[in-house]
Amino acid sequence: MPTAAIVGSGLIGRSWAIVFARGGWDVRLSDPSPEALEAAPRLIREGLDELAAAGIVDDPAGAAARVSVAPSLADAVAGVDLVQENGPERVEDKRRIFAELDAAAPREAILASSTSAIVASKFTEDLAGRGRCLVAHPVNPPHLVPIVELCGAPWTSPDAIARARRIYESVDQAPITVNREIEGFVLNRLQVALLAEAFRLVGDGVVSPQDLDKTLSDGLGLRWSFMGPFQTIELNAPGGIPDYCARYGDFFRRTTGDPPAAAVWDEANLARVMKAWGKSPSKEEVARRTAWRDKRLTALMAHKRAQPGN
């Protein structure tokens, strides 16, 4: 049975553990925090039970039984096929962790980082096994949102990328290959573009933040939940993408000629956005809304899996 080591058992690490355990893998957890390690198995089982209730996992108890806590990082990575690192989003921490992983993990094991924006060349350059290191960037939470962005450093071997892609596909994730290093990869760069325009529109008083959210959840997001932007515009003009661009190209040129400035992220605009948004929620409210989000994502996953072609 294949084995994955999950290094870092916080929100993302626990979610990765669910992904691999429900996919039939043995999973070993490692974390410098004893408290995080102690809580992880219970929280992973709860996540598996929620998936079972939605008909996504057949045997949550069996999946949970494949998850174990390792007494050390070396024990976690011994004999594994893949390591999924979920440490702090700081280059110096990634360098330290990957140096330990490269020294301890089997030579053929893939070393993957869940980093959101840091390219692999910044923390793998000096490693003897740098050819098997790459970024495998998920979306929170990966057991409910299956996309995984695979991005290697210039020295990552094509075989490592190909093997990683097969592994993530085998556990029902949806890997894509980012062909060259770029900060933020693909998903976050798309998200930043949308957020920047959202911050400009709200900060300029064009629309309320609540109505802007509704524009996504009851508009663009409905199509984007099963089609990407290229497929969307191809179906929005009789002649496909070239016809769509011919019809709307002048408007797009005017709009992209006036992009949001970096100042949309400054304190003054943030203050305008927050005044329009209202009071920030308490930690308890954030936890409640996060649980609501995950239930909605679970239902959406179950729906999409039930559709023809999925």
C-alpha atoms as a PDB file:
ATOM      1  CA  MET A   1       0.000   0.000   0.000  1.00  0.00           C
ATOM      2  CA  PRO A   2       1.430   3.444  -0.885  1.00  0.00           C
ATOM      3  CA  THR A   3       2.297   5.799   1.953  1.00  0.00           C
ATOM      4  CA  ALA A   4       2.218   9.587   2.251  1.00  0.00           C
ATOM      5  CA  ALA A   5       3.886  11.656   4.962  1.00  0.00           C
ATOM      6  CA  ILE A   6       1.977  14.810   5.894  1.00  0.00           C
ATOM      7  CA  VAL A   7       4.407  17.306   7.399  1.00  0.00           C
ATOM      8  CA  GLY A   8       2.392  19.876   9.307  1.00  0.00           C
ATOM      9  CA  SER A   9      -0.990  18.777  10.650  1.00  0.00           C
ATOM     10  CA  GLY A  10      -2.879  22.061  10.709  1.00  0.00           C
ATOM     11  CA  LEU A  11      -5.923  22.800   8.527  1.00  0.00           C
ATOM     12  CA  ILE A  12      -4.234  22.033   5.212  1.00  0.00           C
ATOM     13  CA  GLY A  13      -2.245  19.070   6.501  1.00  0.00           C
ATOM     14  CA  ARG A  14      -5.319  17.414   8.012  1.00  0.00           C
ATOM     15  CA  SER A  15      -7.225  17.970   4.794  1.00  0.00           C
ATOM     16  CA  TRP A  16      -4.408  16.338   2.810  1.00  0.00           C
ATOM     17  CA  ALA A  17      -4.514  13.416   5.232  1.00  0.00           C
ATOM     18  CA  ILE A  18      -8.216  12.976   4.409  1.00  0.00           C
ATOM     19  CA  VAL A  19      -7.416  13.065   0.673  1.00  0.00           C
ATOM     20  CA  PHE A  20      -4.817  10.306   0.863  1.00  0.00           C
ATOM     21  CA  ALA A  21      -6.597   8.177   3.477  1.00  0.00           C
ATOM     22  CA  ARG A  22      -9.872   8.111   1.529  1.00  0.00           C
ATOM     23  CA  GLY A  23      -7.786   7.277  -1.560  1.00  0.00           C
ATOM     24  CA  GLY A  24      -6.513   4.097   0.072  1.00  0.00           C
ATOM     25  CA  TRP A  25      -3.079   5.338   1.161  1.00  0.00           C
ATOM     26  CA  ASP A  26      -1.423   4.910   4.511  1.00  0.00           C
ATOM     27  CA  VAL A  27      -0.825   8.336   6.035  1.00  0.00           C
ATOM     28  CA  ARG A  28       1.722   9.387   8.644  1.00  0.00           C
ATOM     29  CA  LEU A  29       1.387  12.739  10.378  1.00  0.00           C
ATOM     30  CA  SER A  30       4.240  14.902  11.637  1.00  0.00           C
ATOM     31  CA  ASP A  31       4.120  18.253  13.366  1.00  0.00           C
ATOM     32  CA  PRO A  32       6.388  20.098  15.828  1.00  0.00           C
ATOM     33  CA  SER A  33       3.313  20.896  17.936  1.00  0.00           C
ATOM     34  CA  PRO A  34       2.252  18.022  20.240  1.00  0.00           C
ATOM     35  CA  GLU A  35      -1.154  19.650  20.622  1.00  0.00           C
ATOM     36  CA  ALA A  36      -1.718  19.708  16.854  1.00  0.00           C
ATOM     37  CA  LEU A  37      -0.698  16.074  16.531  1.00  0.00           C
ATOM     38  CA  GLU A  38      -2.949  15.003  19.386  1.00  0.00           C
ATOM     39  CA  ALA A  39      -5.998  16.710  17.870  1.00  0.00           C
ATOM     40  CA  ALA A  40      -5.371  15.693  14.244  1.00  0.00           C
ATOM     41  CA  PRO A  41      -6.717  12.091  14.195  1.00  0.00           C
ATOM     42  CA  ARG A  42     -10.039  13.121  15.760  1.00  0.00           C
ATOM     43  CA  LEU A  43     -10.479  16.038  13.358  1.00  0.00           C
ATOM     44  CA  ILE A  44      -9.541  13.877  10.377  1.00  0.00           C
ATOM     45  CA  ARG A  45     -12.109  11.262  11.412  1.00  0.00           C
ATOM     46  CA  GLU A  46     -14.758  13.978  11.721  1.00  0.00           C
ATOM     47  CA  GLY A  47     -13.950  15.156   8.210  1.00  0.00           C
ATOM     48  CA  LEU A  48     -14.185  11.621   6.851  1.00  0.00           C
ATOM     49  CA  ASP A  49     -17.528  11.107   8.594  1.00  0.00           C
ATOM     50  CA  GLU A  50     -18.894  14.268   6.955  1.00  0.00           C
ATOM     51  CA  LEU A  51     -17.821  12.970   3.553  1.00  0.00           C
ATOM     52  CA  ALA A  52     -19.446   9.608   4.285  1.00  0.00           C
ATOM     53  CA  ALA A  53     -22.703  11.352   5.200  1.00  0.00           C
ATOM     54  CA  ALA A  54     -22.652  12.955   1.741  1.00  0.00           C
ATOM     55  CA  GLY A  55     -21.959   9.618   0.041  1.00  0.00           C
ATOM     56  CA  ILE A  56     -18.393  10.532  -0.945  1.00  0.00           C
ATOM     57  CA  VAL A  57     -16.541   8.073   1.340  1.00  0.00           C
ATOM     58  CA  ASP A  58     -17.706   4.475   1.760  1.00  0.00           C
ATOM     59  CA  ASP A  59     -15.656   3.454   4.796  1.00  0.00           C
ATOM     60  CA  PRO A  60     -14.678   6.393   7.011  1.00  0.00           C
ATOM     61  CA  ALA A  61     -13.535   4.122   9.836  1.00  0.00           C
ATOM     62  CA  GLY A  62     -11.250   2.183   7.506  1.00  0.00           C
ATOM     63  CA  ALA A  63      -9.836   5.406   6.059  1.00  0.00           C
ATOM     64  CA  ALA A  64      -9.238   6.840   9.529  1.00  0.00           C
ATOM     65  CA  ALA A  65      -7.464   3.648  10.564  1.00  0.00           C
ATOM     66  CA  ARG A  66      -4.884   4.259   7.841  1.00  0.00           C
ATOM     67  CA  VAL A  67      -3.821   7.515   9.531  1.00  0.00           C
ATOM     68  CA  SER A  68      -1.123   7.371  12.195  1.00  0.00           C
ATOM     69  CA  VAL A  69       0.940   9.856  14.177  1.00  0.00           C
ATOM     70  CA  ALA A  70       4.713   9.550  13.756  1.00  0.00           C
ATOM     71  CA  PRO A  71       7.017  10.159  16.747  1.00  0.00           C
ATOM     72  CA  SER A  72       9.479  12.148  14.601  1.00  0.00           C
ATOM     73  CA  LEU A  73       9.926  13.598  11.139  1.00  0.00           C
ATOM     74  CA  ALA A  74      12.378  10.810  10.270  1.00  0.00           C
ATOM     75  CA  ASP A  75       9.824   8.193  11.293  1.00  0.00           C
ATOM     76  CA  ALA A  76       7.113   9.952   9.279  1.00  0.00           C
ATOM     77  CA  VAL A  77       9.062   9.873   6.011  1.00  0.00           C
ATOM     78  CA  ALA A  78      10.690   6.447   6.311  1.00  0.00           C
ATOM     79  CA  GLY A  79       9.768   4.371   3.262  1.00  0.00           C
ATOM     80  CA  VAL A  80       7.145   6.819   1.951  1.00  0.00           C
ATOM     81  CA  ASP A  81       6.178   7.421  -1.663  1.00  0.00           C
ATOM     82  CA  LEU A  82       5.324  11.112  -1.283  1.00  0.00           C
ATOM     83  CA  VAL A  83       5.822  13.858   1.282  1.00  0.00           C
ATOM     84  CA  GLN A  84       3.309  16.721   1.423  1.00  0.00           C
ATOM     85  CA  GLU A  85       4.874  19.644   3.310  1.00  0.00           C
ATOM     86  CA  ASN A  86       2.542  22.178   4.942  1.00  0.00           C
ATOM     87  CA  GLY A  87       4.895  24.355   6.961  1.00  0.00           C
ATOM     88  CA  PRO A  88       4.875  28.128   7.457  1.00  0.00           C
ATOM     89  CA  GLU A  89       4.754  30.345   4.371  1.00  0.00           C
ATOM     90  CA  ARG A  90       8.318  31.598   4.852  1.00  0.00           C
ATOM     91  CA  VAL A  91      11.279  30.840   2.602  1.00  0.00           C
ATOM     92  CA  GLU A  92      13.681  30.195   5.483  1.00  0.00           C
ATOM     93  CA  ASP A  93      11.306  27.641   7.022  1.00  0.00           C
ATOM     94  CA  LYS A  94      10.834  25.901   3.682  1.00  0.00           C
ATOM     95  CA  ARG A  95      14.605  25.674   3.222  1.00  0.00           C
ATOM     96  CA  ARG A  96      15.083  24.139   6.640  1.00  0.00           C
ATOM     97  CA  ILE A  97      12.230  21.659   6.304  1.00  0.00           C
ATOM     98  CA  PHE A  98      13.181  20.553   2.797  1.00  0.00           C
ATOM     99  CA  ALA A  99      16.805  20.053   3.830  1.00  0.00           C
ATOM    100  CA  GLU A 100      15.554  17.673   6.537  1.00  0.00           C
ATOM    101  CA  LEU A 101      13.186  15.941   4.149  1.00  0.00           C
ATOM    102  CA  ASP A 102      15.823  15.506   1.453  1.00  0.00           C
ATOM    103  CA  ALA A 103      18.187  13.912   3.961  1.00  0.00           C
ATOM    104  CA  ALA A 104      15.607  11.586   5.536  1.00  0.00           C
ATOM    105  CA  ALA A 105      13.121  10.568   2.839  1.00  0.00           C
ATOM    106  CA  PRO A 106      13.749   7.706   0.380  1.00  0.00           C
ATOM    107  CA  ARG A 107      15.611   8.873  -2.722  1.00  0.00           C
ATOM    108  CA  GLU A 108      12.687   8.016  -5.008  1.00  0.00           C
ATOM    109  CA  ALA A 109      10.053   9.757  -2.848  1.00  0.00           C
ATOM    110  CA  ILE A 110       8.505  12.935  -4.224  1.00  0.00           C
ATOM    111  CA  LEU A 111       8.852  15.991  -1.983  1.00  0.00           C
ATOM    112  CA  ALA A 112       5.937  18.366  -2.541  1.00  0.00           C
ATOM    113  CA  SER A 113       5.172  21.690  -0.899  1.00  0.00           C
ATOM    114  CA  SER A 114       1.702  23.128  -0.349  1.00  0.00           C
ATOM    115  CA  THR A 115       3.075  26.685  -0.525  1.00  0.00           C
ATOM    116  CA  SER A 116       0.604  29.251  -1.874  1.00  0.00           C
ATOM    117  CA  ALA A 117       3.052  31.540  -3.649  1.00  0.00           C
ATOM    118  CA  ILE A 118       6.745  30.651  -3.073  1.00  0.00           C
ATOM    119  CA  VAL A 119       8.382  29.000  -6.086  1.00  0.00           C
ATOM    120  CA  ALA A 120      10.363  25.817  -5.444  1.00  0.00           C
ATOM    121  CA  SER A 121      13.662  27.232  -6.696  1.00  0.00           C
ATOM    122  CA  LYS A 122      13.785  29.501  -3.627  1.00  0.00           C
ATOM    123  CA  PHE A 123      14.032  26.581  -1.175  1.00  0.00           C
ATOM    124  CA  THR A 124      15.423  23.560  -3.093  1.00  0.00           C
ATOM    125  CA  GLU A 125      18.447  24.867  -5.005  1.00  0.00           C
ATOM    126  CA  ASP A 126      21.126  23.435  -2.709  1.00  0.00           C
ATOM    127  CA  LEU A 127      19.543  20.014  -2.161  1.00  0.00           C
ATOM    128  CA  ALA A 128      21.179  16.839  -3.427  1.00  0.00           C
ATOM    129  CA  GLY A 129      17.750  15.488  -4.379  1.00  0.00           C
ATOM    130  CA  ARG A 130      16.367  18.707  -5.787  1.00  0.00           C
ATOM    131  CA  GLY A 131      15.181  16.947  -8.938  1.00  0.00           C
ATOM    132  CA  ARG A 132      12.316  15.286  -7.023  1.00  0.00           C
ATOM    133  CA  CYS A 133      11.139  18.540  -5.345  1.00  0.00           C
ATOM    134  CA  LEU A 134       8.145  20.542  -6.540  1.00  0.00           C
ATOM    135  CA  VAL A 135       5.204  22.649  -5.477  1.00  0.00           C
ATOM    136  CA  ALA A 136       1.808  20.957  -5.210  1.00  0.00           C
ATOM    137  CA  HIS A 137      -0.362  23.928  -4.299  1.00  0.00           C
ATOM    138  CA  PRO A 138      -3.903  23.061  -3.161  1.00  0.00           C
ATOM    139  CA  VAL A 139      -6.922  25.181  -2.372  1.00  0.00           C
ATOM    140  CA  ASN A 140      -8.257  25.246   1.180  1.00  0.00           C
ATOM    141  CA  PRO A 141      -9.602  22.699   1.979  1.00  0.00           C
ATOM    142  CA  PRO A 142      -8.054  20.248  -0.534  1.00  0.00           C
ATOM    143  CA  HIS A 143     -10.332  17.347   0.417  1.00  0.00           C
ATOM    144  CA  LEU A 144     -13.287  19.449  -0.832  1.00  0.00           C
ATOM    145  CA  VAL A 145     -11.639  21.518  -3.590  1.00  0.00           C
ATOM    146  CA  PRO A 146      -9.644  19.103  -5.769  1.00  0.00           C
ATOM    147  CA  ILE A 147      -7.383  21.395  -7.827  1.00  0.00           C
ATOM    148  CA  VAL A 148      -3.629  20.919  -7.284  1.00  0.00           C
ATOM    149  CA  GLU A 149      -1.130  23.178  -9.072  1.00  0.00           C
ATOM    150  CA  LEU A 150       2.085  21.290  -9.871  1.00  0.00           C
ATOM    151  CA  CYS A 151       5.028  23.588 -10.464  1.00  0.00           C
ATOM    152  CA  GLY A 152       8.636  22.447 -10.518  1.00  0.00           C
ATOM    153  CA  ALA A 153      11.856  24.404 -10.255  1.00  0.00           C
ATOM    154  CA  PRO A 154      14.078  24.571 -13.368  1.00  0.00           C
ATOM    155  CA  TRP A 155      15.869  21.459 -12.081  1.00  0.00           C
ATOM    156  CA  THR A 156      12.780  19.410 -11.179  1.00  0.00           C
ATOM    157  CA  SER A 157      12.747  16.306 -13.344  1.00  0.00           C
ATOM    158  CA  PRO A 158       9.858  15.828 -15.801  1.00  0.00           C
ATOM    159  CA  ASP A 159       9.467  12.340 -14.344  1.00  0.00           C
ATOM    160  CA  ALA A 160       8.809  13.789 -10.878  1.00  0.00           C
ATOM    161  CA  ILE A 161       6.088  16.047 -12.276  1.00  0.00           C
ATOM    162  CA  ALA A 162       4.552  13.156 -14.226  1.00  0.00           C
ATOM    163  CA  ARG A 163       4.630  10.826 -11.215  1.00  0.00           C
ATOM    164  CA  ALA A 164       3.129  13.506  -8.979  1.00  0.00           C
ATOM    165  CA  ARG A 165       0.343  14.119 -11.472  1.00  0.00           C
ATOM    166  CA  ARG A 166      -0.504  10.411 -11.556  1.00  0.00           C
ATOM    167  CA  ILE A 167      -0.490  10.231  -7.752  1.00  0.00           C
ATOM    168  CA  TYR A 168      -2.863  13.171  -7.254  1.00  0.00           C
ATOM    169  CA  GLU A 169      -5.167  11.882  -9.980  1.00  0.00           C
ATOM    170  CA  SER A 170      -5.228   8.479  -8.262  1.00  0.00           C
ATOM    171  CA  VAL A 171      -6.611  10.051  -5.064  1.00  0.00           C
ATOM    172  CA  ASP A 172      -9.334  11.985  -6.948  1.00  0.00           C
ATOM    173  CA  GLN A 173      -7.606  15.354  -7.043  1.00  0.00           C
ATOM    174  CA  ALA A 174      -7.484  17.486 -10.204  1.00  0.00           C
ATOM    175  CA  PRO A 175      -3.813  18.317 -10.861  1.00  0.00           C
ATOM    176  CA  ILE A 176      -2.689  20.862 -13.428  1.00  0.00           C
ATOM    177  CA  THR A 177       0.869  21.508 -14.608  1.00  0.00           C
ATOM    178  CA  VAL A 178       2.291  25.028 -14.373  1.00  0.00           C
ATOM    179  CA  ASN A 179       4.910  24.940 -17.124  1.00  0.00           C
ATOM    180  CA  ARG A 180       7.328  27.445 -15.629  1.00  0.00           C
ATOM    181  CA  GLU A 181       7.850  29.126 -12.294  1.00  0.00           C
ATOM    182  CA  ILE A 182       5.757  32.209 -11.625  1.00  0.00           C
ATOM    183  CA  GLU A 183       5.021  33.732  -8.227  1.00  0.00           C
ATOM    184  CA  GLY A 184       1.567  32.807  -7.004  1.00  0.00           C
ATOM    185  CA  PHE A 185       1.211  30.130  -9.708  1.00  0.00           C
ATOM    186  CA  VAL A 186      -2.071  30.255 -11.674  1.00  0.00           C
ATOM    187  CA  LEU A 187      -4.981  30.175  -9.229  1.00  0.00           C
ATOM    188  CA  ASN A 188      -3.738  32.920  -6.935  1.00  0.00           C
ATOM    189  CA  ARG A 189      -2.807  35.179  -9.832  1.00  0.00           C
ATOM    190  CA  LEU A 190      -6.357  34.827 -11.181  1.00  0.00           C
ATOM    191  CA  GLN A 191      -7.720  35.417  -7.684  1.00  0.00           C
ATOM    192  CA  VAL A 192      -5.565  38.515  -7.198  1.00  0.00           C
ATOM    193  CA  ALA A 193      -6.804  39.989 -10.489  1.00  0.00           C
ATOM    194  CA  LEU A 194     -10.422  39.505  -9.459  1.00  0.00           C
ATOM    195  CA  LEU A 195      -9.850  40.733  -5.896  1.00  0.00           C
ATOM    196  CA  ALA A 196      -8.041  43.853  -7.082  1.00  0.00           C
ATOM    197  CA  GLU A 197     -10.975  44.831  -9.297  1.00  0.00           C
ATOM    198  CA  ALA A 198     -13.385  43.986  -6.459  1.00  0.00           C
ATOM    199  CA  PHE A 199     -11.457  46.214  -4.037  1.00  0.00           C
ATOM    200  CA  ARG A 200     -11.450  49.025  -6.614  1.00  0.00           C
ATOM    201  CA  LEU A 201     -15.190  48.779  -7.343  1.00  0.00           C
ATOM    202  CA  VAL A 202     -16.121  48.723  -3.646  1.00  0.00           C
ATOM    203  CA  GLY A 203     -13.558  51.345  -2.647  1.00  0.00           C
ATOM    204  CA  ASP A 204     -14.806  53.677  -5.407  1.00  0.00           C
ATOM    205  CA  GLY A 205     -18.389  53.251  -4.250  1.00  0.00           C
ATOM    206  CA  VAL A 206     -19.560  51.532  -7.422  1.00  0.00           C
ATOM    207  CA  VAL A 207     -21.131  48.628  -5.550  1.00  0.00           C
ATOM    208  CA  SER A 208     -21.447  47.325  -2.010  1.00  0.00           C
ATOM    209  CA  PRO A 209     -19.202  44.411  -0.994  1.00  0.00           C
ATOM    210  CA  GLN A 210     -22.299  42.319  -0.299  1.00  0.00           C
ATOM    211  CA  ASP A 211     -23.671  42.902  -3.789  1.00  0.00           C
ATOM    212  CA  LEU A 212     -20.264  42.256  -5.311  1.00  0.00           C
ATOM    213  CA  ASP A 213     -20.148  38.883  -3.542  1.00  0.00           C
ATOM    214  CA  LYS A 214     -23.638  38.153  -4.880  1.00  0.00           C
ATOM    215  CA  THR A 215     -22.403  38.927  -8.402  1.00  0.00           C
ATOM    216  CA  LEU A 216     -19.975  36.035  -8.028  1.00  0.00           C
ATOM    217  CA  SER A 217     -22.056  33.540  -6.028  1.00  0.00           C
ATOM    218  CA  ASP A 218     -25.225  34.051  -8.106  1.00  0.00           C
ATOM    219  CA  GLY A 219     -23.515  34.970 -11.374  1.00  0.00           C
ATOM    220  CA  LEU A 220     -20.036  34.176 -12.580  1.00  0.00           C
ATOM    221  CA  GLY A 221     -19.465  31.543  -9.912  1.00  0.00           C
ATOM    222  CA  LEU A 222     -22.357  29.368 -11.065  1.00  0.00           C
ATOM    223  CA  ARG A 223     -20.790  28.870 -14.487  1.00  0.00           C
ATOM    224  CA  TRP A 224     -17.253  28.798 -13.163  1.00  0.00           C
ATOM    225  CA  SER A 225     -18.105  25.932 -10.805  1.00  0.00           C
ATOM    226  CA  PHE A 226     -18.090  23.578 -13.795  1.00  0.00           C
ATOM    227  CA  MET A 227     -16.575  25.596 -16.696  1.00  0.00           C
ATOM    228  CA  GLY A 228     -13.464  27.716 -16.953  1.00  0.00           C
ATOM    229  CA  PRO A 229     -13.368  31.194 -18.533  1.00  0.00           C
ATOM    230  CA  PHE A 230     -12.273  29.965 -21.964  1.00  0.00           C
ATOM    231  CA  GLN A 231     -15.089  27.422 -22.210  1.00  0.00           C
ATOM    232  CA  THR A 232     -17.495  30.040 -20.849  1.00  0.00           C
ATOM    233  CA  ILE A 233     -16.756  32.607 -23.534  1.00  0.00           C
ATOM    234  CA  GLU A 234     -16.656  29.960 -26.259  1.00  0.00           C
ATOM    235  CA  LEU A 235     -20.308  29.230 -25.485  1.00  0.00           C
ATOM    236  CA  ASN A 236     -21.253  32.908 -25.301  1.00  0.00           C
ATOM    237  CA  ALA A 237     -20.800  33.650 -29.009  1.00  0.00           C
ATOM    238  CA  PRO A 238     -21.945  31.616 -32.032  1.00  0.00           C
ATOM    239  CA  GLY A 239     -18.442  31.619 -33.532  1.00  0.00           C
ATOM    240  CA  GLY A 240     -16.656  30.650 -30.344  1.00  0.00           C
ATOM    241  CA  ILE A 241     -13.700  32.450 -28.768  1.00  0.00           C
ATOM    242  CA  PRO A 242     -12.624  34.497 -31.852  1.00  0.00           C
ATOM    243  CA  ASP A 243     -16.221  35.672 -32.354  1.00  0.00           C
ATOM    244  CA  TYR A 244     -16.546  36.578 -28.663  1.00  0.00           C
ATOM    245  CA  CYS A 245     -13.341  38.637 -28.787  1.00  0.00           C
ATOM    246  CA  ALA A 246     -14.492  40.375 -31.966  1.00  0.00           C
ATOM    247  CA  ARG A 247     -17.800  41.314 -30.344  1.00  0.00           C
ATOM    248  CA  TYR A 248     -16.430  42.528 -27.007  1.00  0.00           C
ATOM    249  CA  GLY A 249     -12.766  43.197 -27.702  1.00  0.00           C
ATOM    250  CA  ASP A 250     -13.058  46.993 -27.738  1.00  0.00           C
ATOM    251  CA  PHE A 251     -14.612  47.016 -24.260  1.00  0.00           C
ATOM    252  CA  PHE A 252     -11.973  44.597 -22.976  1.00  0.00           C
ATOM    253  CA  ARG A 253      -9.175  46.768 -24.383  1.00  0.00           C
ATOM    254  CA  ARG A 254     -10.569  49.854 -22.678  1.00  0.00           C
ATOM    255  CA  THR A 255     -10.973  48.031 -19.368  1.00  0.00           C
ATOM    256  CA  THR A 256      -7.587  46.303 -19.336  1.00  0.00           C
ATOM    257  CA  GLY A 257      -5.984  49.593 -20.344  1.00  0.00           C
ATOM    258  CA  ASP A 258      -7.072  50.954 -16.963  1.00  0.00           C
ATOM    259  CA  PRO A 259      -6.228  48.165 -14.473  1.00  0.00           C
ATOM    260  CA  PRO A 260      -6.609  48.551 -10.695  1.00  0.00           C
ATOM    261  CA  ALA A 261      -3.596  50.270  -9.151  1.00  0.00           C
ATOM    262  CA  ALA A 262      -1.594  48.745  -6.313  1.00  0.00           C
ATOM    263  CA  ALA A 263      -3.146  51.432  -4.093  1.00  0.00           C
ATOM    264  CA  VAL A 264      -6.340  49.364  -3.858  1.00  0.00           C
ATOM    265  CA  TRP A 265      -4.485  47.362  -1.172  1.00  0.00           C
ATOM    266  CA  ASP A 266      -3.434  50.463   0.801  1.00  0.00           C
ATOM    267  CA  GLU A 267      -4.851  51.371   4.191  1.00  0.00           C
ATOM    268  CA  ALA A 268      -7.079  54.167   2.885  1.00  0.00           C
ATOM    269  CA  ASN A 269      -8.926  51.951   0.414  1.00  0.00           C
ATOM    270  CA  LEU A 270      -9.074  49.059   2.881  1.00  0.00           C
ATOM    271  CA  ALA A 271     -10.763  51.413   5.360  1.00  0.00           C
ATOM    272  CA  ARG A 272     -13.402  52.289   2.747  1.00  0.00           C
ATOM    273  CA  VAL A 273     -13.968  48.625   1.962  1.00  0.00           C
ATOM    274  CA  MET A 274     -14.287  47.667   5.639  1.00  0.00           C
ATOM    275  CA  LYS A 275     -16.666  50.562   6.345  1.00  0.00           C
ATOM    276  CA  ALA A 276     -18.900  49.224   3.588  1.00  0.00           C
ATOM    277  CA  TRP A 277     -18.458  45.598   4.653  1.00  0.00           C
ATOM    278  CA  GLY A 278     -19.288  46.149   8.326  1.00  0.00           C
ATOM    279  CA  LYS A 279     -18.019  44.665  11.564  1.00  0.00           C
ATOM    280  CA  SER A 280     -15.434  41.882  11.398  1.00  0.00           C
ATOM    281  CA  PRO A 281     -16.759  38.574  12.755  1.00  0.00           C
ATOM    282  CA  SER A 282     -15.601  36.984  15.998  1.00  0.00           C
ATOM    283  CA  LYS A 283     -13.434  33.866  15.969  1.00  0.00           C
ATOM    284  CA  GLU A 284     -16.506  31.852  16.893  1.00  0.00           C
ATOM    285  CA  GLU A 285     -18.450  33.286  13.967  1.00  0.00           C
ATOM    286  CA  VAL A 286     -15.581  32.582  11.584  1.00  0.00           C
ATOM    287  CA  ALA A 287     -15.524  28.964  12.797  1.00  0.00           C
ATOM    288  CA  ARG A 288     -19.284  28.665  12.324  1.00  0.00           C
ATOM    289  CA  ARG A 289     -19.154  30.147   8.826  1.00  0.00           C
ATOM    290  CA  THR A 290     -16.204  27.940   7.913  1.00  0.00           C
ATOM    291  CA  ALA A 291     -18.206  24.862   8.900  1.00  0.00           C
ATOM    292  CA  TRP A 292     -21.103  26.171   6.787  1.00  0.00           C
ATOM    293  CA  ARG A 293     -18.725  26.690   3.846  1.00  0.00           C
ATOM    294  CA  ASP A 294     -17.382  23.162   4.136  1.00  0.00           C
ATOM    295  CA  LYS A 295     -20.888  21.677   4.217  1.00  0.00           C
ATOM    296  CA  ARG A 296     -21.791  23.606   1.058  1.00  0.00           C
ATOM    297  CA  LEU A 297     -18.570  22.497  -0.635  1.00  0.00           C
ATOM    298  CA  THR A 298     -19.264  18.889   0.367  1.00  0.00           C
ATOM    299  CA  ALA A 299     -22.730  19.088  -1.187  1.00  0.00           C
ATOM    300  CA  LEU A 300     -21.300  20.667  -4.342  1.00  0.00           C
ATOM    301  CA  MET A 301     -18.644  17.954  -4.599  1.00  0.00           C
ATOM    302  CA  ALA A 302     -21.274  15.239  -4.243  1.00  0.00           C
ATOM    303  CA  HIS A 303     -23.427  16.924  -6.917  1.00  0.00           C
ATOM    304  CA  LYS A 304     -20.562  17.292  -9.374  1.00  0.00           C
ATOM    305  CA  ARG A 305     -19.476  13.683  -8.895  1.00  0.00           C
ATOM    306  CA  ALA A 306     -23.007  12.521  -9.678  1.00  0.00           C
ATOM    307  CA  GLN A 307     -23.129  14.316 -13.026  1.00  0.00           C
ATOM    308  CA  PRO A 308     -22.369  12.593 -16.359  1.00  0.00           C
ATOM    309  CA  GLY A 309     -18.762  13.040 -17.412  1.00  0.00           C
ATOM    310  CA  ASN A 310     -17.477  13.499 -13.847  1.00  0.00           C
END
